[in-house]
PDB file of N, CA and C in Angstrom:
ATOM      1  N   MET A   1      13.544 -17.419  -0.497  1.00  0.00           N
ATOM      2  CA  MET A   1      13.078 -18.239  -1.322  1.00  0.00           C
ATOM      3  C   MET A   1      13.693 -17.619  -2.627  1.00  0.00           C
ATOM      4  N   LYS A   2      13.676 -18.609  -3.470  1.00  0.00           N
ATOM      5  CA  LYS A   2      14.564 -18.385  -4.814  1.00  0.00           C
ATOM      6  C   LYS A   2      13.611 -18.950  -5.973  1.00  0.00           C
ATOM      7  N   ALA A   3      13.587 -18.466  -7.044  1.00  0.00           N
ATOM      8  CA  ALA A   3      12.519 -18.522  -8.143  1.00  0.00           C
ATOM      9  C   ALA A   3      12.686 -20.056  -8.242  1.00  0.00           C
ATOM     10  N   GLY A   4      13.678 -20.441  -8.250  1.00  0.00           N
ATOM     11  CA  GLY A   4      13.793 -22.156  -8.682  1.00  0.00           C
ATOM     12  C   GLY A   4      13.193 -22.923  -7.651  1.00  0.00           C
ATOM     13  N   ASP A   5      12.611 -22.389  -6.723  1.00  0.00           N
ATOM     14  CA  ASP A   5      12.247 -23.013  -5.405  1.00  0.00           C
ATOM     15  C   ASP A   5      10.900 -23.802  -5.786  1.00  0.00           C
ATOM     16  N   ARG A   6      10.706 -25.182  -5.451  1.00  0.00           N
ATOM     17  CA  ARG A   6       9.335 -25.815  -5.430  1.00  0.00           C
ATOM     18  C   ARG A   6       8.163 -25.117  -5.451  1.00  0.00           C
ATOM     19  N   LEU A   7       7.957 -24.308  -4.452  1.00  0.00           N
ATOM     20  CA  LEU A   7       6.786 -23.722  -4.011  1.00  0.00           C
ATOM     21  C   LEU A   7       6.685 -22.333  -4.288  1.00  0.00           C
ATOM     22  N   PHE A   8       7.770 -21.824  -5.113  1.00  0.00           N
ATOM     23  CA  PHE A   8       8.067 -20.106  -5.548  1.00  0.00           C
ATOM     24  C   PHE A   8       6.438 -19.715  -6.329  1.00  0.00           C
ATOM     25  N   ASP A   9       6.285 -20.661  -7.390  1.00  0.00           N
ATOM     26  CA  ASP A   9       5.048 -20.283  -8.208  1.00  0.00           C
ATOM     27  C   ASP A   9       4.013 -20.132  -7.462  1.00  0.00           C
ATOM     28  N   ALA A  10       3.758 -20.727  -6.413  1.00  0.00           N
ATOM     29  CA  ALA A  10       2.581 -20.892  -5.666  1.00  0.00           C
ATOM     30  C   ALA A  10       2.203 -19.965  -4.834  1.00  0.00           C
ATOM     31  N   LYS A  11       3.345 -19.538  -4.269  1.00  0.00           N
ATOM     32  CA  LYS A  11       3.570 -18.299  -3.104  1.00  0.00           C
ATOM     33  C   LYS A  11       3.377 -17.025  -3.904  1.00  0.00           C
ATOM     34  N   VAL A  12       3.855 -16.884  -5.149  1.00  0.00           N
ATOM     35  CA  VAL A  12       3.523 -15.723  -5.878  1.00  0.00           C
ATOM     36  C   VAL A  12       2.130 -15.444  -6.484  1.00  0.00           C
ATOM     37  N   ILE A  13       1.491 -16.513  -6.654  1.00  0.00           N
ATOM     38  CA  ILE A  13       0.204 -16.491  -6.843  1.00  0.00           C
ATOM     39  C   ILE A  13      -0.813 -15.991  -5.917  1.00  0.00           C
ATOM     40  N   VAL A  14      -0.413 -16.747  -4.740  1.00  0.00           N
ATOM     41  CA  VAL A  14      -1.239 -16.359  -3.521  1.00  0.00           C
ATOM     42  C   VAL A  14      -0.811 -14.607  -3.274  1.00  0.00           C
ATOM     43  N   LEU A  15       0.350 -14.093  -3.095  1.00  0.00           N
ATOM     44  CA  LEU A  15       0.955 -13.097  -2.711  1.00  0.00           C
ATOM     45  C   LEU A  15       0.149 -11.888  -3.984  1.00  0.00           C
ATOM     46  N   GLY A  16      -0.182 -12.478  -5.102  1.00  0.00           N
ATOM     47  CA  GLY A  16      -0.946 -11.590  -5.970  1.00  0.00           C
ATOM     48  C   GLY A  16      -2.451 -11.650  -5.793  1.00  0.00           C
ATOM     49  N   GLU A  17      -3.064 -12.678  -5.193  1.00  0.00           N
ATOM     50  CA  GLU A  17      -4.247 -12.700  -4.794  1.00  0.00           C
ATOM     51  C   GLU A  17      -4.535 -11.789  -3.623  1.00  0.00           C
ATOM     52  N   TYR A  18      -3.467 -11.920  -2.712  1.00  0.00           N
ATOM     53  CA  TYR A  18      -3.723 -10.926  -1.546  1.00  0.00           C
ATOM     54  C   TYR A  18      -3.765  -9.534  -1.903  1.00  0.00           C
ATOM     55  N   ILE A  19      -2.962  -8.955  -2.657  1.00  0.00           N
ATOM     56  CA  ILE A  19      -2.505  -7.647  -3.310  1.00  0.00           C
ATOM     57  C   ILE A  19      -3.914  -7.237  -3.902  1.00  0.00           C
ATOM     58  N   ASP A  20      -4.555  -8.203  -5.066  1.00  0.00           N
ATOM     59  CA  ASP A  20      -5.799  -7.908  -5.521  1.00  0.00           C
ATOM     60  C   ASP A  20      -6.962  -7.747  -4.541  1.00  0.00           C
ATOM     61  N   HIS A  21      -6.894  -8.545  -3.388  1.00  0.00           N
ATOM     62  CA  HIS A  21      -7.837  -8.156  -2.413  1.00  0.00           C
ATOM     63  C   HIS A  21      -7.775  -6.914  -1.472  1.00  0.00           C
ATOM     64  N   HIS A  22      -6.611  -6.797  -1.437  1.00  0.00           N
ATOM     65  CA  HIS A  22      -6.206  -5.283  -0.657  1.00  0.00           C
ATOM     66  C   HIS A  22      -6.337  -4.141  -1.388  1.00  0.00           C
ATOM     67  N   VAL A  23      -6.203  -4.430  -2.605  1.00  0.00           N
ATOM     68  CA  VAL A  23      -6.458  -3.085  -3.595  1.00  0.00           C
ATOM     69  C   VAL A  23      -7.969  -2.757  -3.669  1.00  0.00           C
ATOM     70  N   GLU A  24      -8.627  -4.213  -3.950  1.00  0.00           N
ATOM     71  CA  GLU A  24     -10.472  -3.942  -3.983  1.00  0.00           C
ATOM     72  C   GLU A  24     -10.747  -3.304  -2.817  1.00  0.00           C
ATOM     73  N   GLU A  25     -10.365  -3.783  -1.422  1.00  0.00           N
ATOM     74  CA  GLU A  25     -10.862  -3.369  -0.298  1.00  0.00           C
ATOM     75  C   GLU A  25     -10.455  -1.957  -0.163  1.00  0.00           C
ATOM     76  N   GLU A  26      -9.359  -1.365  -0.741  1.00  0.00           N
ATOM     77  CA  GLU A  26      -9.155   0.087  -0.737  1.00  0.00           C
ATOM     78  C   GLU A  26     -10.201   0.788  -1.582  1.00  0.00           C
ATOM     79  N   GLU A  27     -10.278   0.254  -2.979  1.00  0.00           N
ATOM     80  CA  GLU A  27     -11.035   1.079  -3.704  1.00  0.00           C
ATOM     81  C   GLU A  27     -12.491   1.220  -3.482  1.00  0.00           C
ATOM     82  N   GLU A  28     -12.913   0.008  -2.671  1.00  0.00           N
ATOM     83  CA  GLU A  28     -14.375  -0.052  -2.417  1.00  0.00           C
ATOM     84  C   GLU A  28     -15.034   0.297  -1.192  1.00  0.00           C
ATOM     85  N   GLU A  29     -13.871   0.421  -0.118  1.00  0.00           N
ATOM     86  CA  GLU A  29     -14.277   0.301   1.177  1.00  0.00           C
ATOM     87  C   GLU A  29     -13.617   1.720   1.677  1.00  0.00           C
ATOM     88  N   MET A  30     -12.136   1.534   1.848  1.00  0.00           N
ATOM     89  CA  MET A  30     -11.451   2.782   2.553  1.00  0.00           C
ATOM     90  C   MET A  30     -11.436   4.165   1.769  1.00  0.00           C
ATOM     91  N   PHE A  31     -11.114   4.132   0.306  1.00  0.00           N
ATOM     92  CA  PHE A  31     -11.434   5.575  -0.408  1.00  0.00           C
ATOM     93  C   PHE A  31     -12.756   6.095  -0.266  1.00  0.00           C
ATOM     94  N   PRO A  32     -13.721   5.447  -0.193  1.00  0.00           N
ATOM     95  CA  PRO A  32     -14.910   6.105  -0.338  1.00  0.00           C
ATOM     96  C   PRO A  32     -15.402   6.705   1.110  1.00  0.00           C
ATOM     97  N   GLU A  33     -14.952   5.877   2.016  1.00  0.00           N
ATOM     98  CA  GLU A  33     -15.310   6.546   3.200  1.00  0.00           C
ATOM     99  C   GLU A  33     -14.366   7.722   3.683  1.00  0.00           C
ATOM    100  N   ALA A  34     -12.923   7.647   3.167  1.00  0.00           N
ATOM    101  CA  ALA A  34     -12.141   9.013   3.337  1.00  0.00           C
ATOM    102  C   ALA A  34     -12.848  10.044   2.634  1.00  0.00           C
ATOM    103  N   ARG A  35     -13.281   9.970   1.376  1.00  0.00           N
ATOM    104  CA  ARG A  35     -13.889  10.984   0.412  1.00  0.00           C
ATOM    105  C   ARG A  35     -14.804  11.716   1.307  1.00  0.00           C
ATOM    106  N   ASP A  36     -15.821  10.714   2.016  1.00  0.00           N
ATOM    107  CA  ASP A  36     -17.013  11.209   2.667  1.00  0.00           C
ATOM    108  C   ASP A  36     -16.753  11.990   4.116  1.00  0.00           C
ATOM    109  N   SER A  37     -15.426  11.470   4.506  1.00  0.00           N
ATOM    110  CA  SER A  37     -15.043  12.099   5.598  1.00  0.00           C
ATOM    111  C   SER A  37     -15.130  13.797   5.555  1.00  0.00           C
ATOM    112  N   ASP A  38     -14.691  14.508   6.701  1.00  0.00           N
ATOM    113  CA  ASP A  38     -14.414  15.533   6.806  1.00  0.00           C
ATOM    114  C   ASP A  38     -12.852  16.047   6.864  1.00  0.00           C
ATOM    115  N   LEU A  39     -12.116  15.187   6.615  1.00  0.00           N
ATOM    116  CA  LEU A  39     -10.697  15.183   6.503  1.00  0.00           C
ATOM    117  C   LEU A  39     -10.351  16.121   5.173  1.00  0.00           C
ATOM    118  N   ASP A  40      -9.311  16.935   5.407  1.00  0.00           N
ATOM    119  CA  ASP A  40      -8.673  17.667   4.187  1.00  0.00           C
ATOM    120  C   ASP A  40      -7.492  16.527   3.624  1.00  0.00           C
ATOM    121  N   LEU A  41      -7.792  15.895   2.530  1.00  0.00           N
ATOM    122  CA  LEU A  41      -7.115  14.805   2.198  1.00  0.00           C
ATOM    123  C   LEU A  41      -5.786  15.343   1.237  1.00  0.00           C
ATOM    124  N   LYS A  42      -6.171  16.542   0.813  1.00  0.00           N
ATOM    125  CA  LYS A  42      -4.909  17.175   0.505  1.00  0.00           C
ATOM    126  C   LYS A  42      -3.834  17.751   1.351  1.00  0.00           C
ATOM    127  N   ALA A  43      -4.234  18.097   2.495  1.00  0.00           N
ATOM    128  CA  ALA A  43      -3.574  18.386   3.497  1.00  0.00           C
ATOM    129  C   ALA A  43      -2.761  17.098   4.070  1.00  0.00           C
ATOM    130  N   LEU A  44      -3.301  16.214   4.144  1.00  0.00           N
ATOM    131  CA  LEU A  44      -3.126  14.591   4.668  1.00  0.00           C
ATOM    132  C   LEU A  44      -1.897  14.306   3.904  1.00  0.00           C
ATOM    133  N   GLY A  45      -2.384  14.524   2.473  1.00  0.00           N
ATOM    134  CA  GLY A  45      -1.165  14.016   1.436  1.00  0.00           C
ATOM    135  C   GLY A  45       0.138  14.930   1.460  1.00  0.00           C
ATOM    136  N   VAL A  46      -0.070  15.968   1.706  1.00  0.00           N
ATOM    137  CA  VAL A  46       1.149  16.544   2.162  1.00  0.00           C
ATOM    138  C   VAL A  46       1.918  16.225   3.352  1.00  0.00           C
ATOM    139  N   GLN A  47       1.313  15.993   4.225  1.00  0.00           N
ATOM    140  CA  GLN A  47       1.932  15.702   5.553  1.00  0.00           C
ATOM    141  C   GLN A  47       2.567  14.124   5.567  1.00  0.00           C
ATOM    142  N   LEU A  48       1.614  13.230   4.773  1.00  0.00           N
ATOM    143  CA  LEU A  48       2.310  11.990   4.219  1.00  0.00           C
ATOM    144  C   LEU A  48       3.544  12.041   3.522  1.00  0.00           C
ATOM    145  N   ALA A  49       3.738  12.924   2.709  1.00  0.00           N
ATOM    146  CA  ALA A  49       5.069  13.007   1.921  1.00  0.00           C
ATOM    147  C   ALA A  49       5.851  13.341   2.307  1.00  0.00           C
ATOM    148  N   ALA A  50       5.849  14.393   3.529  1.00  0.00           N
ATOM    149  CA  ALA A  50       6.865  14.828   4.216  1.00  0.00           C
ATOM    150  C   ALA A  50       7.464  13.990   5.053  1.00  0.00           C
ATOM    151  N   ARG A  51       6.660  13.116   5.690  1.00  0.00           N
ATOM    152  CA  ARG A  51       6.737  11.991   6.599  1.00  0.00           C
ATOM    153  C   ARG A  51       7.602  10.931   6.060  1.00  0.00           C
ATOM    154  N   LYS A  52       7.098  10.774   4.549  1.00  0.00           N
ATOM    155  CA  LYS A  52       7.859   9.844   3.572  1.00  0.00           C
ATOM    156  C   LYS A  52       9.293  10.044   3.702  1.00  0.00           C
ATOM    157  N   ALA A  53       9.575  11.353   3.129  1.00  0.00           N
ATOM    158  CA  ALA A  53      10.664  12.005   2.894  1.00  0.00           C
ATOM    159  C   ALA A  53      11.816  11.995   3.974  1.00  0.00           C
ATOM    160  N   GLU A  54      11.179  12.296   5.476  1.00  0.00           N
ATOM    161  CA  GLU A  54      12.153  12.225   6.518  1.00  0.00           C
ATOM    162  C   GLU A  54      12.499  10.704   6.851  1.00  0.00           C
ATOM    163  N   LEU A  55      11.567   9.665   6.511  1.00  0.00           N
ATOM    164  CA  LEU A  55      11.825   8.511   6.779  1.00  0.00           C
ATOM    165  C   LEU A  55      12.891   7.749   5.962  1.00  0.00           C
ATOM    166  N   MET A  56      12.739   8.316   4.416  1.00  0.00           N
ATOM    167  CA  MET A  56      13.552   7.988   3.464  1.00  0.00           C
ATOM    168  C   MET A  56      15.163   8.538   3.737  1.00  0.00           C
ATOM    169  N   ALA A  57      14.967   9.712   4.218  1.00  0.00           N
ATOM    170  CA  ALA A  57      16.238  10.556   4.384  1.00  0.00           C
ATOM    171  C   ALA A  57      17.202   9.697   5.693  1.00  0.00           C
ATOM    172  N   ALA A  58      15.928   9.395   6.723  1.00  0.00           N
ATOM    173  CA  ALA A  58      16.901   8.689   7.790  1.00  0.00           C
ATOM    174  C   ALA A  58      17.391   7.243   7.509  1.00  0.00           C
ATOM    175  N   ALA A  59      16.652   6.681   6.604  1.00  0.00           N
ATOM    176  CA  ALA A  59      17.098   5.271   5.949  1.00  0.00           C
ATOM    177  C   ALA A  59      18.211   5.464   4.971  1.00  0.00           C
ATOM    178  N   GLY A  60      18.717   6.506   4.617  1.00  0.00           N
ATOM    179  CA  GLY A  60      19.644   6.952   3.652  1.00  0.00           C
ATOM    180  C   GLY A  60      19.407   6.283   2.234  1.00  0.00           C
ATOM    181  N   LYS A  61      18.091   6.783   1.890  1.00  0.00           N
ATOM    182  CA  LYS A  61      17.736   6.522   0.556  1.00  0.00           C
ATOM    183  C   LYS A  61      17.275   7.648  -0.196  1.00  0.00           C
TER     184      LYS A  61
END
């Protein structure tokens, strides 16, 4: 879809609403649950960063 297409603006608005809902869900539900869990969030962050680096390297980025 191109910026000049008839429904482009509507699709961007809906996408923005989906993003807002997702962020709200993370902030109000997922993050508090993660903080209240017994997970070592710092270690998990290190593991996620390492995996991201592997995937980016594999993708050539």
